[in-house]
PDB file of all heavy atoms in Angstrom:
ATOM      1  N   SER A   1      10.369  67.127  88.448  1.00  0.00           N
ATOM      2  CA  SER A   1       9.881  67.298  89.669  1.00  0.00           C
ATOM      3  C   SER A   1       8.879  66.302  90.039  1.00  0.00           C
ATOM      4  O   SER A   1       8.508  66.086  91.186  1.00  0.00           O
ATOM      5  CB  SER A   1       9.304  68.707  89.988  1.00  0.00           C
ATOM      6  OG  SER A   1       8.186  68.915  88.891  1.00  0.00           O
ATOM      7  N   ASP A   2       8.380  65.556  89.024  1.00  0.00           N
ATOM      8  CA  ASP A   2       7.371  64.427  89.242  1.00  0.00           C
ATOM      9  C   ASP A   2       8.164  63.179  89.788  1.00  0.00           C
ATOM     10  O   ASP A   2       9.373  63.012  89.474  1.00  0.00           O
ATOM     11  CB  ASP A   2       6.878  63.930  87.916  1.00  0.00           C
ATOM     12  CG  ASP A   2       6.048  65.171  87.223  1.00  0.00           C
ATOM     13  OD1 ASP A   2       5.450  65.920  88.023  1.00  0.00           O
ATOM     14  OD2 ASP A   2       5.903  65.132  86.058  1.00  0.00           O
ATOM     15  N   CYS A   3       7.509  62.472  90.566  1.00  0.00           N
ATOM     16  CA  CYS A   3       8.023  61.120  91.138  1.00  0.00           C
ATOM     17  C   CYS A   3       7.207  60.054  90.745  1.00  0.00           C
ATOM     18  O   CYS A   3       6.048  59.981  91.142  1.00  0.00           O
ATOM     19  CB  CYS A   3       8.068  61.341  92.759  1.00  0.00           C
ATOM     20  SG  CYS A   3       9.125  62.760  93.300  1.00  0.00           S
ATOM     21  N   VAL A   4       7.843  59.092  90.022  1.00  0.00           N
ATOM     22  CA  VAL A   4       7.125  57.889  89.575  1.00  0.00           C
ATOM     23  C   VAL A   4       7.942  56.749  89.931  1.00  0.00           C
ATOM     24  O   VAL A   4       9.097  56.624  89.751  1.00  0.00           O
ATOM     25  CB  VAL A   4       6.928  58.025  88.000  1.00  0.00           C
ATOM     26  CG1 VAL A   4       6.340  56.653  87.510  1.00  0.00           C
ATOM     27  CG2 VAL A   4       5.989  59.112  87.637  1.00  0.00           C
ATOM     28  N   ILE A   5       7.301  55.750  90.620  1.00  0.00           N
ATOM     29  CA  ILE A   5       7.916  54.562  91.085  1.00  0.00           C
ATOM     30  C   ILE A   5       7.137  53.309  90.641  1.00  0.00           C
ATOM     31  O   ILE A   5       5.990  53.222  90.659  1.00  0.00           O
ATOM     32  CB  ILE A   5       8.178  54.617  92.617  1.00  0.00           C
ATOM     33  CG1 ILE A   5       8.695  55.905  93.050  1.00  0.00           C
ATOM     34  CG2 ILE A   5       9.016  53.362  92.974  1.00  0.00           C
ATOM     35  CD1 ILE A   5       8.569  56.035  94.685  1.00  0.00           C
ATOM     36  N   GLY A   6       7.834  52.216  90.342  1.00  0.00           N
ATOM     37  CA  GLY A   6       7.160  50.940  89.957  1.00  0.00           C
ATOM     38  C   GLY A   6       8.084  49.823  90.391  1.00  0.00           C
ATOM     39  O   GLY A   6       9.324  49.823  90.422  1.00  0.00           O
ATOM     40  N   LEU A   7       7.312  48.713  90.798  1.00  0.00           N
ATOM     41  CA  LEU A   7       7.888  47.462  91.071  1.00  0.00           C
ATOM     42  C   LEU A   7       7.110  46.296  90.657  1.00  0.00           C
ATOM     43  O   LEU A   7       5.898  46.354  90.621  1.00  0.00           O
ATOM     44  CB  LEU A   7       8.390  47.454  92.585  1.00  0.00           C
ATOM     45  CG  LEU A   7       7.309  47.389  93.595  1.00  0.00           C
ATOM     46  CD1 LEU A   7       6.746  45.952  93.945  1.00  0.00           C
ATOM     47  CD2 LEU A   7       7.735  47.970  94.975  1.00  0.00           C
ATOM     48  N   CYS A   8       7.826  45.173  90.310  1.00  0.00           N
ATOM     49  CA  CYS A   8       7.115  43.911  89.741  1.00  0.00           C
ATOM     50  C   CYS A   8       7.300  42.783  90.685  1.00  0.00           C
ATOM     51  O   CYS A   8       8.424  42.354  90.872  1.00  0.00           O
ATOM     52  CB  CYS A   8       7.707  43.744  88.297  1.00  0.00           C
ATOM     53  SG  CYS A   8       6.995  42.336  87.567  1.00  0.00           S
ATOM     54  N   GLY A   9       6.186  42.333  91.237  1.00  0.00           N
ATOM     55  CA  GLY A   9       6.323  41.220  92.146  1.00  0.00           C
ATOM     56  C   GLY A   9       6.015  39.991  91.475  1.00  0.00           C
ATOM     57  O   GLY A   9       6.176  39.889  90.082  1.00  0.00           O
ATOM     58  N   LYS A  10       5.743  38.824  92.177  1.00  0.00           N
ATOM     59  CA  LYS A  10       5.551  37.535  91.650  1.00  0.00           C
ATOM     60  C   LYS A  10       4.407  37.446  90.791  1.00  0.00           C
ATOM     61  O   LYS A  10       4.253  36.631  89.812  1.00  0.00           O
ATOM     62  CB  LYS A  10       5.672  36.501  92.723  1.00  0.00           C
ATOM     63  CG  LYS A  10       4.658  36.523  93.821  1.00  0.00           C
ATOM     64  CD  LYS A  10       4.874  35.336  94.760  1.00  0.00           C
ATOM     65  CE  LYS A  10       3.778  35.418  95.822  1.00  0.00           C
ATOM     66  NZ  LYS A  10       3.987  34.452  96.975  1.00  0.00           N
ATOM     67  N   ASP A  11       3.242  38.095  91.118  1.00  0.00           N
ATOM     68  CA  ASP A  11       2.129  38.048  90.409  1.00  0.00           C
ATOM     69  C   ASP A  11       1.295  39.356  90.320  1.00  0.00           C
ATOM     70  O   ASP A  11       0.068  39.366  90.237  1.00  0.00           O
ATOM     71  CB  ASP A  11       1.165  36.981  90.965  1.00  0.00           C
ATOM     72  CG  ASP A  11       0.860  37.122  92.526  1.00  0.00           C
ATOM     73  OD1 ASP A  11       1.357  38.280  93.006  1.00  0.00           O
ATOM     74  OD2 ASP A  11       0.220  36.258  93.237  1.00  0.00           O
ATOM     75  N   TYR A  12       2.034  40.487  90.344  1.00  0.00           N
ATOM     76  CA  TYR A  12       1.460  41.810  90.368  1.00  0.00           C
ATOM     77  C   TYR A  12       2.453  42.822  89.990  1.00  0.00           C
ATOM     78  O   TYR A  12       3.600  42.589  89.981  1.00  0.00           O
ATOM     79  CB  TYR A  12       0.775  42.176  91.609  1.00  0.00           C
ATOM     80  CG  TYR A  12       1.997  42.293  92.792  1.00  0.00           C
ATOM     81  CD1 TYR A  12       2.552  43.462  92.988  1.00  0.00           C
ATOM     82  CD2 TYR A  12       2.374  41.104  93.522  1.00  0.00           C
ATOM     83  CE1 TYR A  12       3.572  43.584  93.859  1.00  0.00           C
ATOM     84  CE2 TYR A  12       3.420  41.244  94.477  1.00  0.00           C
ATOM     85  CZ  TYR A  12       3.977  42.548  94.720  1.00  0.00           C
ATOM     86  OH  TYR A  12       5.034  42.608  95.637  1.00  0.00           O
ATOM     87  N   VAL A  13       2.034  44.067  89.557  1.00  0.00           N
ATOM     88  CA  VAL A  13       2.857  45.108  89.285  1.00  0.00           C
ATOM     89  C   VAL A  13       2.296  46.277  90.065  1.00  0.00           C
ATOM     90  O   VAL A  13       1.022  46.596  89.883  1.00  0.00           O
ATOM     91  CB  VAL A  13       3.059  45.423  87.946  1.00  0.00           C
ATOM     92  CG1 VAL A  13       4.085  46.557  87.646  1.00  0.00           C
ATOM     93  CG2 VAL A  13       3.277  44.328  87.077  1.00  0.00           C
ATOM     94  N   LEU A  14       3.068  47.075  90.798  1.00  0.00           N
ATOM     95  CA  LEU A  14       2.643  48.300  91.537  1.00  0.00           C
ATOM     96  C   LEU A  14       3.199  49.577  90.888  1.00  0.00           C
ATOM     97  O   LEU A  14       4.486  49.537  90.590  1.00  0.00           O
ATOM     98  CB  LEU A  14       3.017  48.273  92.943  1.00  0.00           C
ATOM     99  CG  LEU A  14       2.245  47.212  93.825  1.00  0.00           C
ATOM    100  CD1 LEU A  14       2.953  47.079  95.328  1.00  0.00           C
ATOM    101  CD2 LEU A  14       0.822  47.780  94.053  1.00  0.00           C
ATOM    102  N   LEU A  15       2.440  50.599  90.805  1.00  0.00           N
ATOM    103  CA  LEU A  15       2.997  51.845  90.306  1.00  0.00           C
ATOM    104  C   LEU A  15       2.465  52.831  91.284  1.00  0.00           C
ATOM    105  O   LEU A  15       1.340  52.865  91.735  1.00  0.00           O
ATOM    106  CB  LEU A  15       2.374  52.221  88.893  1.00  0.00           C
ATOM    107  CG  LEU A  15       2.878  51.407  87.773  1.00  0.00           C
ATOM    108  CD1 LEU A  15       2.154  51.800  86.367  1.00  0.00           C
ATOM    109  CD2 LEU A  15       4.376  51.462  87.555  1.00  0.00           C
ATOM    110  N   ALA A  16       3.385  53.718  91.425  1.00  0.00           N
ATOM    111  CA  ALA A  16       3.049  54.974  92.365  1.00  0.00           C
ATOM    112  C   ALA A  16       3.486  56.262  91.665  1.00  0.00           C
ATOM    113  O   ALA A  16       4.663  56.279  91.062  1.00  0.00           O
ATOM    114  CB  ALA A  16       3.748  54.757  93.777  1.00  0.00           C
ATOM    115  N   ALA A  17       2.770  57.324  91.823  1.00  0.00           N
ATOM    116  CA  ALA A  17       3.174  58.621  91.326  1.00  0.00           C
ATOM    117  C   ALA A  17       2.626  59.669  92.197  1.00  0.00           C
ATOM    118  O   ALA A  17       1.586  59.585  92.814  1.00  0.00           O
ATOM    119  CB  ALA A  17       2.601  58.786  89.903  1.00  0.00           C
ATOM    120  N   ASP A  18       3.439  60.736  92.296  1.00  0.00           N
ATOM    121  CA  ASP A  18       2.908  61.852  93.130  1.00  0.00           C
ATOM    122  C   ASP A  18       1.820  62.661  92.465  1.00  0.00           C
ATOM    123  O   ASP A  18       1.588  62.510  91.239  1.00  0.00           O
ATOM    124  CB  ASP A  18       4.158  62.909  93.389  1.00  0.00           C
ATOM    125  CG  ASP A  18       4.391  63.706  92.126  1.00  0.00           C
ATOM    126  OD1 ASP A  18       5.000  63.178  91.231  1.00  0.00           O
ATOM    127  OD2 ASP A  18       3.982  64.934  92.107  1.00  0.00           O
ATOM    128  N   ALA A  19       0.919  63.192  93.191  1.00  0.00           N
ATOM    129  CA  ALA A  19      -0.320  63.811  92.705  1.00  0.00           C
ATOM    130  C   ALA A  19      -0.213  65.325  92.552  1.00  0.00           C
ATOM    131  O   ALA A  19      -1.247  66.009  92.496  1.00  0.00           O
ATOM    132  CB  ALA A  19      -1.496  63.447  93.580  1.00  0.00           C
ATOM    133  N   THR A  20       1.023  65.834  92.538  1.00  0.00           N
ATOM    134  CA  THR A  20       1.219  67.222  92.393  1.00  0.00           C
ATOM    135  C   THR A  20       1.145  67.825  91.014  1.00  0.00           C
ATOM    136  O   THR A  20       1.883  67.268  90.226  1.00  0.00           O
ATOM    137  CB  THR A  20       2.459  67.683  93.177  1.00  0.00           C
ATOM    138  OG1 THR A  20       2.524  67.210  94.570  1.00  0.00           O
ATOM    139  CG2 THR A  20       2.811  69.176  93.118  1.00  0.00           C
ATOM    140  N   ALA A  21       0.416  68.833  90.737  1.00  0.00           N
ATOM    141  CA  ALA A  21       0.619  69.672  89.595  1.00  0.00           C
ATOM    142  C   ALA A  21       0.932  71.026  89.708  1.00  0.00           C
ATOM    143  O   ALA A  21       0.330  71.713  90.610  1.00  0.00           O
ATOM    144  CB  ALA A  21      -0.875  69.455  88.773  1.00  0.00           C
ATOM    145  N   SER A  22       1.955  71.358  89.207  1.00  0.00           N
ATOM    146  CA  SER A  22       2.540  72.776  89.444  1.00  0.00           C
ATOM    147  C   SER A  22       2.729  73.530  88.208  1.00  0.00           C
ATOM    148  O   SER A  22       2.849  73.046  86.986  1.00  0.00           O
ATOM    149  CB  SER A  22       3.780  72.602  90.197  1.00  0.00           C
ATOM    150  OG  SER A  22       4.820  71.936  89.430  1.00  0.00           O
ATOM    151  N   PHE A  23       2.801  74.927  88.336  1.00  0.00           N
ATOM    152  CA  PHE A  23       3.230  75.720  87.215  1.00  0.00           C
ATOM    153  C   PHE A  23       4.161  76.775  87.833  1.00  0.00           C
ATOM    154  O   PHE A  23       3.832  77.533  88.752  1.00  0.00           O
ATOM    155  CB  PHE A  23       2.030  76.463  86.601  1.00  0.00           C
ATOM    156  CG  PHE A  23       2.244  77.502  85.619  1.00  0.00           C
ATOM    157  CD1 PHE A  23       2.585  77.101  84.336  1.00  0.00           C
ATOM    158  CD2 PHE A  23       2.149  78.842  85.906  1.00  0.00           C
ATOM    159  CE1 PHE A  23       2.964  78.069  83.425  1.00  0.00           C
ATOM    160  CE2 PHE A  23       2.589  79.769  84.994  1.00  0.00           C
ATOM    161  CZ  PHE A  23       2.884  79.360  83.655  1.00  0.00           C
ATOM    162  N   SER A  24       5.388  76.667  87.253  1.00  0.00           N
ATOM    163  CA  SER A  24       6.451  77.680  87.819  1.00  0.00           C
ATOM    164  C   SER A  24       6.696  77.409  89.310  1.00  0.00           C
ATOM    165  O   SER A  24       6.797  76.147  89.695  1.00  0.00           O
ATOM    166  CB  SER A  24       6.255  79.028  87.522  1.00  0.00           C
ATOM    167  OG  SER A  24       7.234  79.899  87.951  1.00  0.00           O
ATOM    168  N   ILE A  25       6.521  78.269  90.152  1.00  0.00           N
ATOM    169  CA  ILE A  25       6.594  78.047  91.613  1.00  0.00           C
ATOM    170  C   ILE A  25       5.305  77.903  92.321  1.00  0.00           C
ATOM    171  O   ILE A  25       5.048  77.823  93.474  1.00  0.00           O
ATOM    172  CB  ILE A  25       7.300  79.187  92.209  1.00  0.00           C
ATOM    173  CG1 ILE A  25       6.621  80.649  92.024  1.00  0.00           C
ATOM    174  CG2 ILE A  25       8.864  79.284  91.608  1.00  0.00           C
ATOM    175  CD1 ILE A  25       7.139  81.681  92.834  1.00  0.00           C
ATOM    176  N   ILE A  26       4.197  77.647  91.462  1.00  0.00           N
ATOM    177  CA  ILE A  26       2.776  77.653  91.970  1.00  0.00           C
ATOM    178  C   ILE A  26       2.377  76.240  92.018  1.00  0.00           C
ATOM    179  O   ILE A  26       2.437  75.499  90.986  1.00  0.00           O
ATOM    180  CB  ILE A  26       1.930  78.440  91.127  1.00  0.00           C
ATOM    181  CG1 ILE A  26       2.402  79.956  91.063  1.00  0.00           C
ATOM    182  CG2 ILE A  26       0.355  78.471  91.735  1.00  0.00           C
ATOM    183  CD1 ILE A  26       1.615  80.760  90.141  1.00  0.00           C
ATOM    184  N   LEU A  27       1.735  75.824  93.212  1.00  0.00           N
ATOM    185  CA  LEU A  27       1.090  74.501  93.196  1.00  0.00           C
ATOM    186  C   LEU A  27      -0.325  74.716  92.820  1.00  0.00           C
ATOM    187  O   LEU A  27      -1.229  75.433  93.327  1.00  0.00           O
ATOM    188  CB  LEU A  27       1.135  74.037  94.775  1.00  0.00           C
ATOM    189  CG  LEU A  27       0.337  72.781  94.937  1.00  0.00           C
ATOM    190  CD1 LEU A  27       1.084  71.529  94.234  1.00  0.00           C
ATOM    191  CD2 LEU A  27       0.271  72.565  96.534  1.00  0.00           C
ATOM    192  N   MET A  28      -0.717  74.085  91.541  1.00  0.00           N
ATOM    193  CA  MET A  28      -2.051  74.196  91.141  1.00  0.00           C
ATOM    194  C   MET A  28      -3.102  73.325  91.756  1.00  0.00           C
ATOM    195  O   MET A  28      -4.111  73.505  91.952  1.00  0.00           O
ATOM    196  CB  MET A  28      -1.883  73.917  89.621  1.00  0.00           C
ATOM    197  CG  MET A  28      -0.951  74.754  88.809  1.00  0.00           C
ATOM    198  SD  MET A  28      -1.287  76.505  88.929  1.00  0.00           S
ATOM    199  CE  MET A  28      -2.871  76.633  87.984  1.00  0.00           C
ATOM    200  N   LYS A  29      -2.673  71.936  91.994  1.00  0.00           N
ATOM    201  CA  LYS A  29      -3.446  70.945  92.663  1.00  0.00           C
ATOM    202  C   LYS A  29      -2.659  69.917  93.044  1.00  0.00           C
ATOM    203  O   LYS A  29      -1.491  69.657  92.791  1.00  0.00           O
ATOM    204  CB  LYS A  29      -4.488  70.412  91.529  1.00  0.00           C
ATOM    205  CG  LYS A  29      -3.789  69.698  90.480  1.00  0.00           C
ATOM    206  CD  LYS A  29      -4.812  69.447  89.332  1.00  0.00           C
ATOM    207  CE  LYS A  29      -5.795  68.444  89.717  1.00  0.00           C
ATOM    208  NZ  LYS A  29      -6.709  67.893  88.625  1.00  0.00           N
ATOM    209  N   ASP A  30      -3.170  69.149  94.137  1.00  0.00           N
ATOM    210  CA  ASP A  30      -2.428  67.974  94.747  1.00  0.00           C
ATOM    211  C   ASP A  30      -3.244  66.648  94.543  1.00  0.00           C
ATOM    212  O   ASP A  30      -3.219  65.745  95.347  1.00  0.00           O
ATOM    213  CB  ASP A  30      -2.165  68.260  96.173  1.00  0.00           C
ATOM    214  CG  ASP A  30      -3.411  68.420  96.948  1.00  0.00           C
ATOM    215  OD1 ASP A  30      -4.487  68.364  96.522  1.00  0.00           O
ATOM    216  OD2 ASP A  30      -3.205  68.678  98.298  1.00  0.00           O
ATOM    217  N   SER A  31      -4.080  66.652  93.419  1.00  0.00           N
ATOM    218  CA  SER A  31      -4.816  65.469  93.184  1.00  0.00           C
ATOM    219  C   SER A  31      -4.767  64.963  91.729  1.00  0.00           C
ATOM    220  O   SER A  31      -5.702  64.379  91.225  1.00  0.00           O
ATOM    221  CB  SER A  31      -6.296  65.685  93.509  1.00  0.00           C
ATOM    222  OG  SER A  31      -6.757  66.824  92.810  1.00  0.00           O
ATOM    223  N   GLU A  32      -3.617  65.323  91.097  1.00  0.00           N
ATOM    224  CA  GLU A  32      -3.442  64.899  89.731  1.00  0.00           C
ATOM    225  C   GLU A  32      -3.063  63.455  89.555  1.00  0.00           C
ATOM    226  O   GLU A  32      -2.088  62.967  90.216  1.00  0.00           O
ATOM    227  CB  GLU A  32      -2.276  65.907  89.086  1.00  0.00           C
ATOM    228  CG  GLU A  32      -1.897  65.451  87.602  1.00  0.00           C
ATOM    229  CD  GLU A  32      -2.931  66.056  86.616  1.00  0.00           C
ATOM    230  OE1 GLU A  32      -3.948  66.783  87.108  1.00  0.00           O
ATOM    231  OE2 GLU A  32      -2.724  65.822  85.415  1.00  0.00           O
ATOM    232  N   ASP A  33      -3.827  62.749  88.787  1.00  0.00           N
ATOM    233  CA  ASP A  33      -3.623  61.260  88.539  1.00  0.00           C
ATOM    234  C   ASP A  33      -2.605  61.159  87.309  1.00  0.00           C
ATOM    235  O   ASP A  33      -3.146  61.354  86.227  1.00  0.00           O
ATOM    236  CB  ASP A  33      -4.886  60.484  88.403  1.00  0.00           C
ATOM    237  CG  ASP A  33      -4.695  59.059  88.257  1.00  0.00           C
ATOM    238  OD1 ASP A  33      -3.615  58.583  88.363  1.00  0.00           O
ATOM    239  OD2 ASP A  33      -5.785  58.352  88.262  1.00  0.00           O
ATOM    240  N   LYS A  34      -1.385  60.723  87.614  1.00  0.00           N
ATOM    241  CA  LYS A  34      -0.352  60.645  86.552  1.00  0.00           C
ATOM    242  C   LYS A  34      -0.236  59.101  86.127  1.00  0.00           C
ATOM    243  O   LYS A  34       0.658  58.836  85.423  1.00  0.00           O
ATOM    244  CB  LYS A  34       0.928  61.096  87.019  1.00  0.00           C
ATOM    245  CG  LYS A  34       0.806  62.602  87.414  1.00  0.00           C
ATOM    246  CD  LYS A  34       2.047  63.104  88.006  1.00  0.00           C
ATOM    247  CE  LYS A  34       1.999  64.535  88.570  1.00  0.00           C
ATOM    248  NZ  LYS A  34       3.189  65.056  89.228  1.00  0.00           N
ATOM    249  N   ILE A  35      -1.216  58.245  86.567  1.00  0.00           N
ATOM    250  CA  ILE A  35      -1.097  56.760  86.196  1.00  0.00           C
ATOM    251  C   ILE A  35      -2.369  56.467  85.389  1.00  0.00           C
ATOM    252  O   ILE A  35      -3.474  56.562  85.908  1.00  0.00           O
ATOM    253  CB  ILE A  35      -1.035  55.968  87.319  1.00  0.00           C
ATOM    254  CG1 ILE A  35       0.079  56.265  88.308  1.00  0.00           C
ATOM    255  CG2 ILE A  35      -0.878  54.494  86.871  1.00  0.00           C
ATOM    256  CD1 ILE A  35       0.129  55.427  89.593  1.00  0.00           C
ATOM    257  N   LEU A  36      -2.197  56.343  84.078  1.00  0.00           N
ATOM    258  CA  LEU A  36      -3.354  56.152  83.155  1.00  0.00           C
ATOM    259  C   LEU A  36      -3.714  54.684  82.959  1.00  0.00           C
ATOM    260  O   LEU A  36      -2.786  53.877  82.599  1.00  0.00           O
ATOM    261  CB  LEU A  36      -2.997  56.922  81.782  1.00  0.00           C
ATOM    262  CG  LEU A  36      -4.148  56.919  80.746  1.00  0.00           C
ATOM    263  CD1 LEU A  36      -5.277  57.865  81.237  1.00  0.00           C
ATOM    264  CD2 LEU A  36      -3.709  57.432  79.478  1.00  0.00           C
ATOM    265  N   LYS A  37      -4.889  54.252  82.918  1.00  0.00           N
ATOM    266  CA  LYS A  37      -5.310  52.972  82.619  1.00  0.00           C
ATOM    267  C   LYS A  37      -5.463  52.890  81.074  1.00  0.00           C
ATOM    268  O   LYS A  37      -6.279  53.475  80.433  1.00  0.00           O
ATOM    269  CB  LYS A  37      -6.706  52.678  83.286  1.00  0.00           C
ATOM    270  CG  LYS A  37      -7.111  51.277  82.907  1.00  0.00           C
ATOM    271  CD  LYS A  37      -8.539  51.051  83.611  1.00  0.00           C
ATOM    272  CE  LYS A  37      -9.088  49.607  83.294  1.00  0.00           C
ATOM    273  NZ  LYS A  37     -10.375  49.434  83.941  1.00  0.00           N
ATOM    274  N   LEU A  38      -4.563  51.992  80.546  1.00  0.00           N
ATOM    275  CA  LEU A  38      -4.553  51.855  79.130  1.00  0.00           C
ATOM    276  C   LEU A  38      -5.634  50.860  78.609  1.00  0.00           C
ATOM    277  O   LEU A  38      -6.304  51.061  77.643  1.00  0.00           O
ATOM    278  CB  LEU A  38      -3.154  51.296  78.646  1.00  0.00           C
ATOM    279  CG  LEU A  38      -2.017  52.318  78.836  1.00  0.00           C
ATOM    280  CD1 LEU A  38      -0.755  51.588  78.374  1.00  0.00           C
ATOM    281  CD2 LEU A  38      -2.266  53.567  78.239  1.00  0.00           C
ATOM    282  N   ASP A  39      -5.849  49.684  79.382  1.00  0.00           N
ATOM    283  CA  ASP A  39      -6.823  48.908  79.209  1.00  0.00           C
ATOM    284  C   ASP A  39      -7.144  48.138  80.443  1.00  0.00           C
ATOM    285  O   ASP A  39      -6.761  48.499  81.541  1.00  0.00           O
ATOM    286  CB  ASP A  39      -6.626  47.917  77.880  1.00  0.00           C
ATOM    287  CG  ASP A  39      -5.361  47.171  78.004  1.00  0.00           C
ATOM    288  OD1 ASP A  39      -4.961  46.751  79.019  1.00  0.00           O
ATOM    289  OD2 ASP A  39      -4.750  46.864  76.966  1.00  0.00           O
ATOM    290  N   SER A  40      -7.693  46.915  80.268  1.00  0.00           N
ATOM    291  CA  SER A  40      -8.211  46.164  81.481  1.00  0.00           C
ATOM    292  C   SER A  40      -6.996  45.592  82.251  1.00  0.00           C
ATOM    293  O   SER A  40      -7.088  45.256  83.544  1.00  0.00           O
ATOM    294  CB  SER A  40      -9.024  45.046  81.116  1.00  0.00           C
ATOM    295  OG  SER A  40      -8.430  44.159  80.234  1.00  0.00           O
ATOM    296  N   ASN A  41      -5.812  45.433  81.701  1.00  0.00           N
ATOM    297  CA  ASN A  41      -4.611  44.946  82.309  1.00  0.00           C
ATOM    298  C   ASN A  41      -3.395  45.688  82.174  1.00  0.00           C
ATOM    299  O   ASN A  41      -2.322  45.162  82.554  1.00  0.00           O
ATOM    300  CB  ASN A  41      -4.438  43.519  81.920  1.00  0.00           C
ATOM    301  CG  ASN A  41      -3.961  43.330  80.439  1.00  0.00           C
ATOM    302  OD1 ASN A  41      -4.300  44.307  79.722  1.00  0.00           O
ATOM    303  ND2 ASN A  41      -3.202  42.334  80.163  1.00  0.00           N
ATOM    304  N   LYS A  42      -3.425  46.964  81.739  1.00  0.00           N
ATOM    305  CA  LYS A  42      -2.257  47.736  81.551  1.00  0.00           C
ATOM    306  C   LYS A  42      -2.333  49.118  82.220  1.00  0.00           C
ATOM    307  O   LYS A  42      -3.363  49.776  82.151  1.00  0.00           O
ATOM    308  CB  LYS A  42      -1.838  47.829  80.004  1.00  0.00           C
ATOM    309  CG  LYS A  42      -1.525  46.605  79.329  1.00  0.00           C
ATOM    310  CD  LYS A  42      -1.128  47.008  77.994  1.00  0.00           C
ATOM    311  CE  LYS A  42      -1.121  45.713  77.027  1.00  0.00           C
ATOM    312  NZ  LYS A  42      -2.461  45.190  76.903  1.00  0.00           N
ATOM    313  N   LEU A  43      -1.408  49.644  82.791  1.00  0.00           N
ATOM    314  CA  LEU A  43      -1.174  50.881  83.332  1.00  0.00           C
ATOM    315  C   LEU A  43      -0.006  51.691  82.826  1.00  0.00           C
ATOM    316  O   LEU A  43       1.106  51.012  82.634  1.00  0.00           O
ATOM    317  CB  LEU A  43      -1.100  50.828  84.928  1.00  0.00           C
ATOM    318  CG  LEU A  43      -2.277  50.196  85.704  1.00  0.00           C
ATOM    319  CD1 LEU A  43      -1.940  49.913  87.129  1.00  0.00           C
ATOM    320  CD2 LEU A  43      -3.575  51.207  85.586  1.00  0.00           C
TER     321      LEU A  43
END
């Protein structure tokens, strides 16, 4: 049910992820960050 999209341009990379967190049929929150910063230049 999660949606994650990425594309690589000529000098950048973009990532997008939905912010929905759910449990069964219940919406728990709509501000969940599913893109983690690994270090200064990696996501």
